[in-house]
Amino acid sequence: MTDLDVVVLLGLVAWLFRKHYLGAVRTYAIATQLLFSATVGVGSYALAFGLRHGHKSVLALCVTTRNIGAALAPLVPRPTPIEARS
């Protein structure tokens, strides 16, 4: 049931903020975010000299997910007070 709730919630958020998301796509903000995340992940994996594959994978995953939240925060669409009332 939780999976269905998440899908419904994401669908509603996407529908409510579709104009803002399209605006973000047009500015290449999402593509830039993906490029940043890929660069950080690959870089941390490649620069982890002396670690085994398992440790490198965990390091790359942790570094990428830690930084993606902070980098995505400015991309979250926030309605202005006028849009929130309508």
N, C-alpha and C. Protein backbone atom coordinates (compact mmCIF):
# COMPACT_ATOMS: atom_id res chain seq x y z
N MET A 1 0.81 -1.20 0.00
CA MET A 1 0.00 0.00 0.00
C MET A 1 0.86 1.26 0.00
N THR A 2 1.99 1.20 0.68
CA THR A 2 2.86 2.37 0.75
C THR A 2 3.38 2.74 -0.63
N ASP A 3 3.72 1.75 -1.46
CA ASP A 3 4.20 2.04 -2.81
C ASP A 3 3.14 2.79 -3.61
N LEU A 4 1.92 2.37 -3.50
CA LEU A 4 0.83 3.04 -4.20
C LEU A 4 0.66 4.47 -3.71
N ASP A 5 0.77 4.67 -2.40
CA ASP A 5 0.67 6.02 -1.84
C ASP A 5 1.76 6.94 -2.39
N VAL A 6 2.96 6.43 -2.49
CA VAL A 6 4.08 7.23 -3.01
C VAL A 6 3.84 7.59 -4.48
N VAL A 7 3.38 6.62 -5.25
CA VAL A 7 3.11 6.89 -6.67
C VAL A 7 2.01 7.94 -6.82
N VAL A 8 0.96 7.83 -6.03
CA VAL A 8 -0.13 8.81 -6.09
C VAL A 8 0.38 10.18 -5.67
N LEU A 9 1.15 10.25 -4.60
CA LEU A 9 1.69 11.52 -4.13
C LEU A 9 2.60 12.16 -5.17
N LEU A 10 3.50 11.37 -5.76
CA LEU A 10 4.38 11.92 -6.80
C LEU A 10 3.58 12.39 -8.01
N GLY A 11 2.54 11.65 -8.37
CA GLY A 11 1.69 12.06 -9.48
C GLY A 11 1.00 13.39 -9.20
N LEU A 12 0.48 13.54 -7.99
CA LEU A 12 -0.18 14.80 -7.63
C LEU A 12 0.79 15.97 -7.62
N VAL A 13 1.97 15.76 -7.07
CA VAL A 13 2.97 16.83 -7.04
C VAL A 13 3.39 17.20 -8.46
N ALA A 14 3.60 16.21 -9.30
CA ALA A 14 3.98 16.48 -10.69
C ALA A 14 2.88 17.24 -11.41
N TRP A 15 1.63 16.89 -11.16
CA TRP A 15 0.51 17.57 -11.81
C TRP A 15 0.37 19.01 -11.30
N LEU A 16 0.47 19.21 -10.00
CA LEU A 16 0.29 20.54 -9.43
C LEU A 16 1.40 21.51 -9.85
N PHE A 17 2.62 21.00 -9.98
CA PHE A 17 3.75 21.87 -10.28
C PHE A 17 4.30 21.64 -11.68
N ARG A 18 3.48 21.18 -12.60
CA ARG A 18 3.96 20.85 -13.94
C ARG A 18 4.57 22.04 -14.67
N LYS A 19 4.02 23.22 -14.50
CA LYS A 19 4.57 24.41 -15.16
C LYS A 19 5.98 24.72 -14.64
N HIS A 20 6.15 24.56 -13.34
CA HIS A 20 7.46 24.83 -12.75
C HIS A 20 8.49 23.79 -13.20
N TYR A 21 8.08 22.54 -13.28
CA TYR A 21 9.00 21.49 -13.73
C TYR A 21 9.39 21.70 -15.18
N LEU A 22 8.43 22.08 -16.01
CA LEU A 22 8.76 22.35 -17.42
C LEU A 22 9.72 23.52 -17.53
N GLY A 23 9.53 24.52 -16.67
CA GLY A 23 10.46 25.65 -16.66
C GLY A 23 11.86 25.23 -16.26
N ALA A 24 11.96 24.30 -15.31
CA ALA A 24 13.27 23.80 -14.89
C ALA A 24 13.92 22.99 -16.00
N VAL A 25 13.13 22.24 -16.75
CA VAL A 25 13.67 21.45 -17.86
C VAL A 25 14.21 22.37 -18.94
N ARG A 26 13.50 23.44 -19.21
CA ARG A 26 13.93 24.37 -20.26
C ARG A 26 15.23 25.10 -19.91
N THR A 27 15.54 25.22 -18.62
CA THR A 27 16.76 25.91 -18.22
C THR A 27 17.94 24.95 -18.04
N TYR A 28 17.73 23.69 -18.35
CA TYR A 28 18.75 22.65 -18.21
C TYR A 28 19.18 22.43 -16.76
N ALA A 29 18.37 22.86 -15.80
CA ALA A 29 18.72 22.70 -14.39
C ALA A 29 18.76 21.23 -14.00
N ILE A 30 17.83 20.44 -14.47
CA ILE A 30 17.78 19.03 -14.12
C ILE A 30 18.93 18.28 -14.79
N ALA A 31 19.21 18.60 -16.04
CA ALA A 31 20.33 17.95 -16.73
C ALA A 31 21.66 18.30 -16.06
N THR A 32 21.80 19.53 -15.62
CA THR A 32 23.01 19.94 -14.92
C THR A 32 23.14 19.20 -13.60
N GLN A 33 22.03 19.01 -12.90
CA GLN A 33 22.04 18.27 -11.65
C GLN A 33 22.47 16.82 -11.88
N LEU A 34 21.95 16.20 -12.91
CA LEU A 34 22.33 14.82 -13.23
C LEU A 34 23.81 14.73 -13.60
N LEU A 35 24.30 15.69 -14.36
CA LEU A 35 25.72 15.71 -14.71
C LEU A 35 26.59 15.88 -13.47
N PHE A 36 26.19 16.76 -12.57
CA PHE A 36 26.91 16.97 -11.32
C PHE A 36 26.97 15.68 -10.50
N SER A 37 25.83 15.02 -10.36
CA SER A 37 25.77 13.79 -9.57
C SER A 37 26.63 12.69 -10.19
N ALA A 38 26.57 12.56 -11.49
CA ALA A 38 27.37 11.54 -12.16
C ALA A 38 28.86 11.84 -12.01
N THR A 39 29.25 13.09 -12.13
CA THR A 39 30.65 13.48 -11.99
C THR A 39 31.16 13.20 -10.58
N VAL A 40 30.36 13.55 -9.58
CA VAL A 40 30.76 13.31 -8.19
C VAL A 40 30.85 11.82 -7.91
N GLY A 41 29.91 11.04 -8.40
CA GLY A 41 29.93 9.60 -8.17
C GLY A 41 31.11 8.92 -8.83
N VAL A 42 31.32 9.21 -10.09
CA VAL A 42 32.44 8.60 -10.82
C VAL A 42 33.78 9.08 -10.26
N GLY A 43 33.86 10.36 -9.93
CA GLY A 43 35.10 10.89 -9.37
C GLY A 43 35.46 10.27 -8.04
N SER A 44 34.47 10.13 -7.16
CA SER A 44 34.77 9.53 -5.86
C SER A 44 35.14 8.06 -5.99
N TYR A 45 34.56 7.37 -6.94
CA TYR A 45 34.90 5.96 -7.18
C TYR A 45 36.32 5.86 -7.75
N ALA A 46 36.61 6.70 -8.72
CA ALA A 46 37.92 6.62 -9.40
C ALA A 46 39.07 7.06 -8.49
N LEU A 47 38.80 7.98 -7.58
CA LEU A 47 39.87 8.51 -6.74
C LEU A 47 40.04 7.76 -5.42
N ALA A 48 39.29 6.69 -5.23
CA ALA A 48 39.39 5.91 -3.99
C ALA A 48 40.46 4.83 -4.15
N PHE A 49 41.70 5.26 -4.23
CA PHE A 49 42.81 4.33 -4.45
C PHE A 49 42.97 3.41 -3.24
N GLY A 50 43.26 2.15 -3.50
CA GLY A 50 43.55 1.21 -2.44
C GLY A 50 42.33 0.56 -1.80
N LEU A 51 41.14 0.96 -2.18
CA LEU A 51 39.94 0.36 -1.61
C LEU A 51 39.43 -0.75 -2.53
N ARG A 52 38.80 -1.73 -1.92
CA ARG A 52 38.19 -2.80 -2.72
C ARG A 52 36.94 -2.27 -3.41
N HIS A 53 36.46 -3.04 -4.38
CA HIS A 53 35.28 -2.64 -5.16
C HIS A 53 34.08 -2.33 -4.27
N GLY A 54 33.82 -3.18 -3.30
CA GLY A 54 32.67 -2.97 -2.41
C GLY A 54 32.75 -1.66 -1.65
N HIS A 55 33.95 -1.34 -1.16
CA HIS A 55 34.12 -0.08 -0.42
C HIS A 55 34.01 1.13 -1.34
N LYS A 56 34.55 0.99 -2.54
CA LYS A 56 34.44 2.10 -3.51
C LYS A 56 32.99 2.37 -3.87
N SER A 57 32.21 1.31 -4.06
CA SER A 57 30.81 1.46 -4.41
C SER A 57 30.04 2.18 -3.31
N VAL A 58 30.28 1.78 -2.07
CA VAL A 58 29.60 2.42 -0.94
C VAL A 58 30.02 3.88 -0.83
N LEU A 59 31.29 4.15 -1.01
CA LEU A 59 31.79 5.53 -0.95
C LEU A 59 31.12 6.39 -2.02
N ALA A 60 31.08 5.90 -3.25
CA ALA A 60 30.47 6.66 -4.35
C ALA A 60 28.98 6.89 -4.09
N LEU A 61 28.29 5.87 -3.61
CA LEU A 61 26.86 6.01 -3.32
C LEU A 61 26.62 7.04 -2.23
N CYS A 62 27.40 6.97 -1.16
CA CYS A 62 27.22 7.89 -0.04
C CYS A 62 27.54 9.33 -0.43
N VAL A 63 28.62 9.52 -1.14
CA VAL A 63 29.00 10.88 -1.54
C VAL A 63 27.95 11.47 -2.48
N THR A 64 27.47 10.67 -3.41
CA THR A 64 26.48 11.16 -4.38
C THR A 64 25.16 11.49 -3.71
N THR A 65 24.65 10.58 -2.88
CA THR A 65 23.34 10.83 -2.25
C THR A 65 23.42 11.93 -1.21
N ARG A 66 24.56 12.10 -0.58
CA ARG A 66 24.70 13.17 0.40
C ARG A 66 24.64 14.53 -0.29
N ASN A 67 25.25 14.63 -1.44
CA ASN A 67 25.31 15.92 -2.14
C ASN A 67 24.09 16.20 -3.00
N ILE A 68 23.38 15.17 -3.42
CA ILE A 68 22.26 15.41 -4.33
C ILE A 68 21.10 16.11 -3.63
N GLY A 69 20.89 15.83 -2.36
CA GLY A 69 19.80 16.49 -1.64
C GLY A 69 20.01 17.98 -1.53
N ALA A 70 21.23 18.38 -1.19
CA ALA A 70 21.54 19.80 -1.06
C ALA A 70 21.50 20.50 -2.42
N ALA A 71 21.89 19.79 -3.46
CA ALA A 71 21.90 20.41 -4.77
C ALA A 71 20.49 20.47 -5.38
N LEU A 72 19.62 19.53 -5.02
CA LEU A 72 18.26 19.53 -5.55
C LEU A 72 17.34 20.53 -4.85
N ALA A 73 17.66 20.91 -3.64
CA ALA A 73 16.78 21.79 -2.87
C ALA A 73 16.41 23.07 -3.61
N PRO A 74 17.35 23.76 -4.27
CA PRO A 74 16.96 24.97 -4.99
C PRO A 74 16.06 24.71 -6.20
N LEU A 75 16.02 23.46 -6.67
CA LEU A 75 15.20 23.16 -7.84
C LEU A 75 13.75 22.87 -7.50
N VAL A 76 13.45 22.68 -6.21
CA VAL A 76 12.09 22.35 -5.82
C VAL A 76 11.21 23.57 -6.05
N PRO A 77 10.17 23.40 -6.82
CA PRO A 77 9.31 24.56 -7.11
C PRO A 77 8.52 24.97 -5.88
N ARG A 78 8.54 26.25 -5.59
CA ARG A 78 7.75 26.79 -4.49
C ARG A 78 6.77 27.79 -5.08
N PRO A 79 5.48 27.59 -4.84
CA PRO A 79 4.52 28.54 -5.39
C PRO A 79 4.59 29.87 -4.66
N THR A 80 4.34 30.93 -5.38
CA THR A 80 4.24 32.22 -4.74
C THR A 80 2.94 32.26 -3.96
N PRO A 81 2.78 33.18 -3.00
CA PRO A 81 1.53 33.21 -2.23
C PRO A 81 0.28 33.36 -3.09
N ILE A 82 0.39 34.06 -4.22
CA ILE A 82 -0.77 34.24 -5.09
C ILE A 82 -1.14 32.90 -5.73
N GLU A 83 -0.14 32.13 -6.19
CA GLU A 83 -0.43 30.83 -6.80
C GLU A 83 -0.98 29.84 -5.78
N ALA A 84 -0.55 29.96 -4.54
CA ALA A 84 -0.99 29.03 -3.52
C ALA A 84 -2.47 29.24 -3.20
N ARG A 85 -2.97 30.45 -3.35
CA ARG A 85 -4.39 30.74 -3.05
C ARG A 85 -5.32 30.27 -4.16
N SER A 86 -4.83 30.23 -5.38
CA SER A 86 -5.73 29.90 -6.48
C SER A 86 -5.88 28.44 -6.71
